[in-house]
């Protein structure tokens, strides 16, 4: 695996940082998640295959332990608001002085400076501030929240992992680490580069929900089927639109592509309700009509295309399969950690400290002082 041998310290946090650590782990990195000793770390469903170090970083001895670990690590991922790590004595200035080769990744909502940098926020706030939220939604309706995928996982965790890999590549030349400063407002905006740069193209120009790609066009939308399921239609190009109409039993003379959008939507909606989703798949599968079923999280892993490609893997501790790691690499393929169990709180505390030259007696004393928590049932 391409990141085999890379040692990562992930400070326990919400979804973006755990996802960043998961991506690195899936491609071979050894990831240690630093949890709170009282079990109060944010819930993490992306910790499969990671090791849990339960550590009180508010205690001076806890700070000392983390500094020792970072001296022997390649990457630190921290998800806190600006100034938190500095107050703990664990800021980049300190840790990079300890270990000049360390990649110190900061994953925040609003960044290390700016008017909002001290404010709390979530995905919806970051996407709103990036400008992208204004584009999501149907005509005449308020902006629609696109789940927490754009900022948390796209502009947040994934771009942070990309930044870490870039810093690791540069380190192979310079021998030096650096700070990766990734905030989710700018990350989300960067994901939306095409949306920003294409605003003068004919795809746009109308209010939200009235454009080619935002549900305004009848040939780029979803339609309910007879059995209450849905089909997704993306027949943008004329040749694809023609095949789409053939499946509906219509012709371009009946339904010209770029006119009477609302009338055509009503017509398509009526026709789609005449067949079940399965029946529509029988019509469109294997064609270039750009029509596919809208699958649920339970259905997607069982779809023939996804099954053939092994796009999902069986998880160690949930009923729903998880996506396999992507992208694929021909010589050094990833190994999705979702197939491994999640660590219990403090499961690897003693193991990690022993590896870092702490004695059994020191570990026992640290636990007595509430600096660490050791899950003795896992020893």
Protein backbone atom coordinates (compact mmCIF):
# COMPACT_ATOMS: atom_id res chain seq x y z
CA UNK A 1 0.00 0.00 0.00
CA UNK A 2 1.34 3.47 -0.89
CA UNK A 3 1.30 4.88 2.66
CA UNK A 4 2.66 1.79 4.40
CA UNK A 5 4.99 2.83 7.19
CA UNK A 6 3.49 6.30 7.61
CA UNK A 7 2.55 6.93 11.25
CA UNK A 8 -0.43 9.22 11.88
CA UNK A 9 -1.70 10.75 15.12
CA UNK A 10 -5.36 11.78 14.83
CA UNK A 11 -6.78 13.97 17.57
CA UNK A 12 -10.32 12.77 18.29
CA UNK A 13 -12.92 14.95 16.59
CA UNK A 14 -16.05 14.99 14.49
CA UNK A 15 -16.53 13.62 10.98
CA UNK A 16 -13.96 15.54 8.85
CA UNK A 17 -10.81 14.57 10.79
CA UNK A 18 -11.83 10.91 11.28
CA UNK A 19 -12.54 10.71 7.54
CA UNK A 20 -9.12 12.17 6.78
CA UNK A 21 -7.52 9.58 9.05
CA UNK A 22 -9.64 6.83 7.52
CA UNK A 23 -8.49 7.72 3.99
CA UNK A 24 -4.84 7.63 5.05
CA UNK A 25 -5.42 4.34 6.88
CA UNK A 26 -7.16 2.73 3.91
CA UNK A 27 -4.05 3.42 1.84
CA UNK A 28 -1.69 1.89 4.37
CA UNK A 29 -0.97 4.44 7.10
CA UNK A 30 -0.87 3.35 10.74
CA UNK A 31 -3.39 5.65 12.47
CA UNK A 32 -3.59 6.25 16.22
CA UNK A 33 -6.72 8.07 17.37
CA UNK A 34 -6.23 10.11 20.56
CA UNK A 35 -9.41 9.75 22.65
CA UNK A 36 -10.43 11.37 25.91
CA UNK A 37 -9.84 9.28 29.01
CA UNK A 38 -13.44 9.80 30.17
CA UNK A 39 -14.87 8.38 26.95
CA UNK A 40 -16.27 11.76 25.98
CA UNK A 41 -14.68 11.90 22.54
CA UNK A 42 -17.09 12.56 19.67
CA UNK A 43 -18.67 9.37 18.31
CA UNK A 44 -16.64 8.04 15.40
CA UNK A 45 -18.02 5.57 12.87
CA UNK A 46 -14.87 5.94 10.74
CA UNK A 47 -12.39 4.48 13.22
CA UNK A 48 -12.22 0.92 11.88
CA UNK A 49 -8.65 -0.34 11.83
CA UNK A 50 -7.32 2.56 13.90
CA UNK A 51 -5.72 2.24 17.33
CA UNK A 52 -7.19 4.01 20.36
CA UNK A 53 -4.95 5.91 22.77
CA UNK A 54 -7.00 7.28 25.66
CA UNK A 55 -5.01 10.31 26.81
CA UNK A 56 -5.69 13.38 28.94
CA UNK A 57 -3.95 16.10 26.94
CA UNK A 58 -5.02 18.72 29.51
CA UNK A 59 -2.62 17.11 31.99
CA UNK A 60 1.06 18.11 31.67
CA UNK A 61 2.08 14.45 31.57
CA UNK A 62 -0.44 13.86 28.80
CA UNK A 63 1.16 16.68 26.81
CA UNK A 64 4.56 15.08 27.36
CA UNK A 65 3.27 11.74 26.09
CA UNK A 66 1.81 13.26 22.93
CA UNK A 67 5.00 15.18 22.24
CA UNK A 68 7.00 11.97 22.56
CA UNK A 69 4.64 10.19 20.15
CA UNK A 70 4.85 13.04 17.64
CA UNK A 71 8.64 12.85 17.66
CA UNK A 72 8.27 9.37 16.16
CA UNK A 73 5.32 10.12 13.86
CA UNK A 74 4.92 11.47 10.36
CA UNK A 75 1.54 13.23 10.57
CA UNK A 76 -0.62 14.91 13.19
CA UNK A 77 -4.26 15.70 12.35
CA UNK A 78 -5.94 18.24 14.64
CA UNK A 79 -9.57 19.40 14.21
CA UNK A 80 -9.91 22.16 16.80
CA UNK A 81 -10.61 25.85 16.57
CA UNK A 82 -7.59 28.13 16.35
CA UNK A 83 -5.53 28.45 19.50
CA UNK A 84 -6.70 25.26 21.23
CA UNK A 85 -3.54 23.25 20.53
CA UNK A 86 -1.33 26.23 21.35
CA UNK A 87 -3.00 26.58 24.78
CA UNK A 88 -2.22 22.91 25.42
CA UNK A 89 1.41 23.44 24.47
CA UNK A 90 0.94 21.30 21.37
CA UNK A 91 0.93 23.88 18.59
CA UNK A 92 2.89 23.46 15.36
CA UNK A 93 5.77 25.65 16.54
CA UNK A 94 6.42 23.27 19.46
CA UNK A 95 5.86 19.98 17.65
CA UNK A 96 7.81 20.95 14.53
CA UNK A 97 10.71 22.00 16.74
CA UNK A 98 10.54 18.55 18.36
CA UNK A 99 10.27 16.84 14.98
CA UNK A 100 11.13 18.97 11.92
CA UNK A 101 9.83 16.20 9.63
CA UNK A 102 6.31 16.24 11.09
CA UNK A 103 3.34 17.08 8.83
CA UNK A 104 1.02 19.11 11.06
CA UNK A 105 -2.48 19.12 9.51
CA UNK A 106 -4.99 21.66 10.79
CA UNK A 107 -8.59 20.93 9.81
CA UNK A 108 -10.92 23.75 10.83
CA UNK A 109 -14.20 25.28 9.72
CA UNK A 110 -13.26 28.92 9.22
CA UNK A 111 -9.46 28.82 9.31
CA UNK A 112 -6.74 30.22 11.55
CA UNK A 113 -7.61 33.88 10.98
CA UNK A 114 -10.50 35.98 9.73
CA UNK A 115 -13.74 37.40 11.17
CA UNK A 116 -15.32 33.96 11.71
CA UNK A 117 -12.21 32.10 12.83
CA UNK A 118 -13.24 32.02 16.51
CA UNK A 119 -16.81 30.92 15.79
CA UNK A 120 -18.29 27.45 16.02
CA UNK A 121 -19.90 26.04 12.91
CA UNK A 122 -20.99 22.97 11.00
CA UNK A 123 -21.09 21.87 7.38
CA UNK A 124 -24.17 23.98 6.60
CA UNK A 125 -22.40 27.13 7.82
CA UNK A 126 -19.23 26.45 5.86
CA UNK A 127 -21.11 25.65 2.64
CA UNK A 128 -23.21 28.78 3.13
CA UNK A 129 -20.11 30.94 3.59
CA UNK A 130 -18.45 29.34 0.55
CA UNK A 131 -21.26 30.60 -1.69
CA UNK A 132 -22.30 27.11 -2.82
CA UNK A 133 -25.39 26.71 -0.65
CA UNK A 134 -27.08 29.49 -2.60
CA UNK A 135 -27.07 27.20 -5.68
CA UNK A 136 -28.73 24.13 -4.12
CA UNK A 137 -32.51 23.87 -4.24
CA UNK A 138 -35.58 23.82 -6.42
CA UNK A 139 -37.32 26.76 -8.02
CA UNK A 140 -39.11 29.04 -5.62
CA UNK A 141 -37.84 27.15 -2.57
CA UNK A 142 -35.25 28.02 0.06
CA UNK A 143 -31.71 26.64 -0.36
CA UNK A 144 -31.59 22.88 0.21
CA UNK A 145 -28.98 21.45 2.56
CA UNK A 146 -26.99 18.77 0.61
CA UNK A 147 -26.41 16.60 3.70
CA UNK A 148 -23.01 17.22 5.31
CA UNK A 149 -20.97 15.95 2.38
CA UNK A 150 -19.63 19.09 0.69
CA UNK A 151 -17.66 20.75 3.51
CA UNK A 152 -17.15 17.99 6.07
CA UNK A 153 -15.97 15.30 3.72
CA UNK A 154 -15.15 16.90 0.36
CA UNK A 155 -13.68 20.28 1.24
CA UNK A 156 -12.69 19.05 4.69
CA UNK A 157 -11.46 15.49 5.20
CA UNK A 158 -10.60 14.58 1.61
CA UNK A 159 -8.79 17.80 0.73
CA UNK A 160 -6.92 17.61 4.04
CA UNK A 161 -5.77 14.07 3.17
CA UNK A 162 -4.70 15.38 -0.24
CA UNK A 163 -2.73 18.18 1.43
CA UNK A 164 -1.03 15.68 3.73
CA UNK A 165 0.01 13.49 0.81
CA UNK A 166 1.38 16.55 -1.02
CA UNK A 167 3.38 17.52 2.07
CA UNK A 168 4.72 13.97 2.37
CA UNK A 169 5.79 14.08 -1.28
CA UNK A 170 7.57 17.40 -0.77
CA UNK A 171 9.23 16.07 2.39
CA UNK A 172 10.82 13.30 0.32
CA UNK A 173 12.78 16.07 -1.43
CA UNK A 174 13.40 18.60 1.33
CA UNK A 175 13.44 16.33 4.36
CA UNK A 176 11.21 18.81 6.18
CA UNK A 177 7.65 18.77 7.42
CA UNK A 178 5.21 21.68 7.29
CA UNK A 179 1.76 22.85 8.37
CA UNK A 180 -1.19 21.84 6.18
CA UNK A 181 -3.84 24.52 6.81
CA UNK A 182 -7.19 23.24 5.55
CA UNK A 183 -10.45 25.02 6.36
CA UNK A 184 -13.81 23.85 5.15
CA UNK A 185 -15.08 27.16 3.78
CA UNK A 186 -12.21 27.44 1.32
CA UNK A 187 -12.20 23.68 0.76
CA UNK A 188 -15.88 23.68 -0.17
CA UNK A 189 -15.40 26.72 -2.40
CA UNK A 190 -12.48 24.99 -4.14
CA UNK A 191 -14.66 21.96 -4.81
CA UNK A 192 -17.06 24.39 -6.44
CA UNK A 193 -14.43 25.87 -8.76
CA UNK A 194 -16.30 24.75 -11.86
CA UNK A 195 -19.54 26.22 -10.54
CA UNK A 196 -17.85 29.56 -9.94
CA UNK A 197 -15.96 29.59 -13.24
CA UNK A 198 -18.86 28.44 -15.41
CA UNK A 199 -21.40 31.08 -14.37
CA UNK A 200 -21.21 32.78 -17.78
CA UNK A 201 -21.95 29.50 -19.55
CA UNK A 202 -25.48 28.66 -20.75
CA UNK A 203 -25.92 26.13 -17.94
CA UNK A 204 -26.66 29.04 -15.60
CA UNK A 205 -28.12 32.54 -15.77
CA UNK A 206 -31.50 31.84 -14.18
CA UNK A 207 -32.63 31.80 -10.54
CA UNK A 208 -31.96 28.73 -8.37
CA UNK A 209 -33.80 25.66 -9.63
CA UNK A 210 -34.33 27.02 -13.15
CA UNK A 211 -31.03 26.03 -14.76
CA UNK A 212 -29.76 23.01 -16.67
CA UNK A 213 -28.04 21.27 -13.78
CA UNK A 214 -30.09 22.27 -10.72
CA UNK A 215 -33.40 20.48 -11.48
CA UNK A 216 -34.65 23.22 -13.78
CA UNK A 217 -34.41 21.08 -16.95
CA UNK A 218 -36.77 18.12 -17.45
CA UNK A 219 -33.91 16.03 -18.86
CA UNK A 220 -31.77 16.48 -15.70
CA UNK A 221 -33.99 15.52 -12.80
CA UNK A 222 -35.49 12.61 -10.86
CA UNK A 223 -38.88 11.01 -11.49
CA UNK A 224 -41.08 8.84 -9.30
CA UNK A 225 -41.98 5.38 -10.56
CA UNK A 226 -45.11 3.28 -10.16
CA UNK A 227 -43.76 1.58 -7.02
CA UNK A 228 -42.81 4.82 -5.26
CA UNK A 229 -39.13 4.64 -6.16
CA UNK A 230 -37.21 7.00 -8.42
CA UNK A 231 -35.18 7.16 -11.61
CA UNK A 232 -32.40 9.69 -12.24
CA UNK A 233 -32.27 11.28 -15.67
CA UNK A 234 -29.14 13.06 -16.94
CA UNK A 235 -29.76 13.21 -20.69
CA UNK A 236 -27.95 16.47 -21.37
CA UNK A 237 -26.41 15.91 -24.78
CA UNK A 238 -28.78 15.73 -27.80
CA UNK A 239 -27.79 12.17 -28.70
CA UNK A 240 -28.47 11.00 -25.14
CA UNK A 241 -31.73 12.94 -25.01
CA UNK A 242 -32.85 11.17 -28.15
CA UNK A 243 -32.29 7.74 -26.56
CA UNK A 244 -34.04 8.91 -23.40
CA UNK A 245 -37.11 9.85 -25.42
CA UNK A 246 -37.06 6.52 -27.27
CA UNK A 247 -37.35 4.73 -23.95
CA UNK A 248 -40.39 6.81 -23.10
CA UNK A 249 -41.99 6.13 -26.48
CA UNK A 250 -41.62 9.75 -27.56
CA UNK A 251 -39.82 11.61 -30.35
CA UNK A 252 -37.98 14.91 -30.48
CA UNK A 253 -40.76 16.27 -32.63
CA UNK A 254 -43.11 15.57 -29.74
CA UNK A 255 -40.80 16.93 -27.05
CA UNK A 256 -38.09 19.36 -28.31
CA UNK A 257 -35.22 19.39 -25.83
CA UNK A 258 -34.88 23.09 -25.09
CA UNK A 259 -38.46 24.28 -24.87
CA UNK A 260 -41.55 24.09 -22.62
CA UNK A 261 -39.64 22.76 -19.60
CA UNK A 262 -42.58 22.72 -17.18
CA UNK A 263 -44.92 21.07 -19.68
CA UNK A 264 -42.32 18.40 -20.46
CA UNK A 265 -41.68 17.74 -16.77
CA UNK A 266 -45.36 17.02 -16.26
CA UNK A 267 -45.37 14.68 -19.25
CA UNK A 268 -42.27 12.79 -18.10
CA UNK A 269 -43.63 12.53 -14.56
CA UNK A 270 -46.86 10.98 -15.85
CA UNK A 271 -45.04 8.44 -18.04
CA UNK A 272 -42.55 7.36 -15.36
CA UNK A 273 -45.40 6.50 -13.02
CA UNK A 274 -46.65 3.93 -15.52
CA UNK A 275 -43.82 1.48 -14.75
CA UNK A 276 -41.93 0.27 -11.70
CA UNK A 277 -38.29 1.12 -11.14
CA UNK A 278 -37.31 -2.41 -12.15
CA UNK A 279 -39.28 -2.13 -15.39
CA UNK A 280 -37.62 1.19 -16.23
CA UNK A 281 -34.22 -0.37 -15.60
CA UNK A 282 -35.11 -3.06 -18.11
CA UNK A 283 -35.82 -0.27 -20.61
CA UNK A 284 -32.70 1.81 -20.02
CA UNK A 285 -29.95 -0.46 -18.71
CA UNK A 286 -27.21 -0.81 -21.34
CA UNK A 287 -28.27 2.30 -23.27
CA UNK A 288 -26.72 5.76 -23.50
CA UNK A 289 -29.89 7.48 -22.32
CA UNK A 290 -28.21 8.42 -19.03
CA UNK A 291 -31.05 7.02 -16.95
CA UNK A 292 -30.32 5.04 -13.78
CA UNK A 293 -32.19 3.96 -10.65
CA UNK A 294 -31.97 6.03 -7.47
CA UNK A 295 -30.69 3.41 -5.04
CA UNK A 296 -30.91 3.41 -1.25
CA UNK A 297 -27.90 2.69 0.96
CA UNK A 298 -29.13 -0.88 1.29
CA UNK A 299 -29.78 -1.30 -2.43
CA UNK A 300 -26.57 0.19 -3.83
CA UNK A 301 -24.21 -2.57 -2.58
CA UNK A 302 -26.51 -5.20 -4.14
CA UNK A 303 -26.79 -3.55 -7.56
CA UNK A 304 -25.27 -5.81 -10.26
CA UNK A 305 -22.82 -3.14 -11.44
CA UNK A 306 -21.52 -2.47 -7.94
CA UNK A 307 -21.41 -6.17 -7.08
CA UNK A 308 -19.38 -6.96 -10.19
CA UNK A 309 -16.85 -4.25 -9.33
CA UNK A 310 -16.76 -5.09 -5.61
CA UNK A 311 -17.54 -1.44 -4.93
CA UNK A 312 -18.67 -2.15 -1.37
CA UNK A 313 -17.19 -4.24 1.42
CA UNK A 314 -18.67 -6.07 4.37
CA UNK A 315 -18.06 -4.07 7.52
CA UNK A 316 -16.85 -5.52 10.79
CA UNK A 317 -19.53 -4.03 13.00
CA UNK A 318 -22.51 -2.65 11.05
CA UNK A 319 -25.33 -4.18 9.04
CA UNK A 320 -24.85 -1.86 6.06
CA UNK A 321 -21.80 -2.49 3.82
CA UNK A 322 -19.35 0.37 3.38
CA UNK A 323 -17.82 1.81 0.21
CA UNK A 324 -14.51 0.25 -0.75
CA UNK A 325 -11.51 2.56 -0.73
CA UNK A 326 -11.08 4.62 -3.89
CA UNK A 327 -9.36 5.22 -6.23
CA UNK A 328 -7.93 1.88 -7.23
CA UNK A 329 -4.18 1.54 -7.77
CA UNK A 330 -2.79 -1.18 -10.02
CA UNK A 331 0.41 -2.01 -8.11
CA UNK A 332 -0.33 -0.80 -4.59
CA UNK A 333 -4.09 -1.16 -4.08
CA UNK A 334 -5.73 0.16 -0.92
CA UNK A 335 -7.11 -2.10 1.80
CA UNK A 336 -10.37 -0.71 3.16
CA UNK A 337 -10.16 -0.67 6.95
CA UNK A 338 -13.96 -0.91 7.22
CA UNK A 339 -13.48 -4.68 7.22
CA UNK A 340 -11.59 -4.40 10.51
CA UNK A 341 -13.25 -3.78 13.91
CA UNK A 342 -13.46 -0.39 15.59
CA UNK A 343 -11.16 -0.01 18.59
CA UNK A 344 -12.59 0.14 22.08
CA UNK A 345 -11.69 3.19 24.14
CA UNK A 346 -8.09 2.87 25.27
CA UNK A 347 -7.71 -0.54 23.69
CA UNK A 348 -4.18 0.19 22.48
CA UNK A 349 -3.01 2.66 25.14
CA UNK A 350 -0.59 0.28 26.86
CA UNK A 351 0.67 -1.13 23.56
CA UNK A 352 1.40 2.34 22.17
CA UNK A 353 3.18 3.52 25.31
CA UNK A 354 5.28 0.38 25.53
CA UNK A 355 6.34 0.94 21.92
CA UNK A 356 7.41 4.45 22.94
CA UNK A 357 9.69 3.22 25.74
CA UNK A 358 7.33 3.61 28.72
CA UNK A 359 7.66 0.87 31.31
CA UNK A 360 4.77 -1.16 32.71
CA UNK A 361 5.25 0.59 36.05
CA UNK A 362 5.11 4.03 34.43
CA UNK A 363 1.95 3.06 32.57
CA UNK A 364 0.33 1.90 35.81
CA UNK A 365 1.25 5.19 37.51
CA UNK A 366 -0.04 7.28 34.59
CA UNK A 367 -3.37 5.49 34.76
CA UNK A 368 -3.58 6.04 38.52
CA UNK A 369 -3.08 9.78 37.88
CA UNK A 370 -5.85 9.78 35.22
CA UNK A 371 -3.38 10.76 32.53
CA UNK A 372 -4.31 7.71 30.46
CA UNK A 373 -7.02 5.08 30.35
CA UNK A 374 -6.10 1.49 29.61
CA UNK A 375 -8.81 -0.92 28.58
CA UNK A 376 -7.48 -3.84 30.56
CA UNK A 377 -10.08 -6.22 29.11
CA UNK A 378 -8.19 -5.85 25.82
CA UNK A 379 -4.69 -6.46 27.22
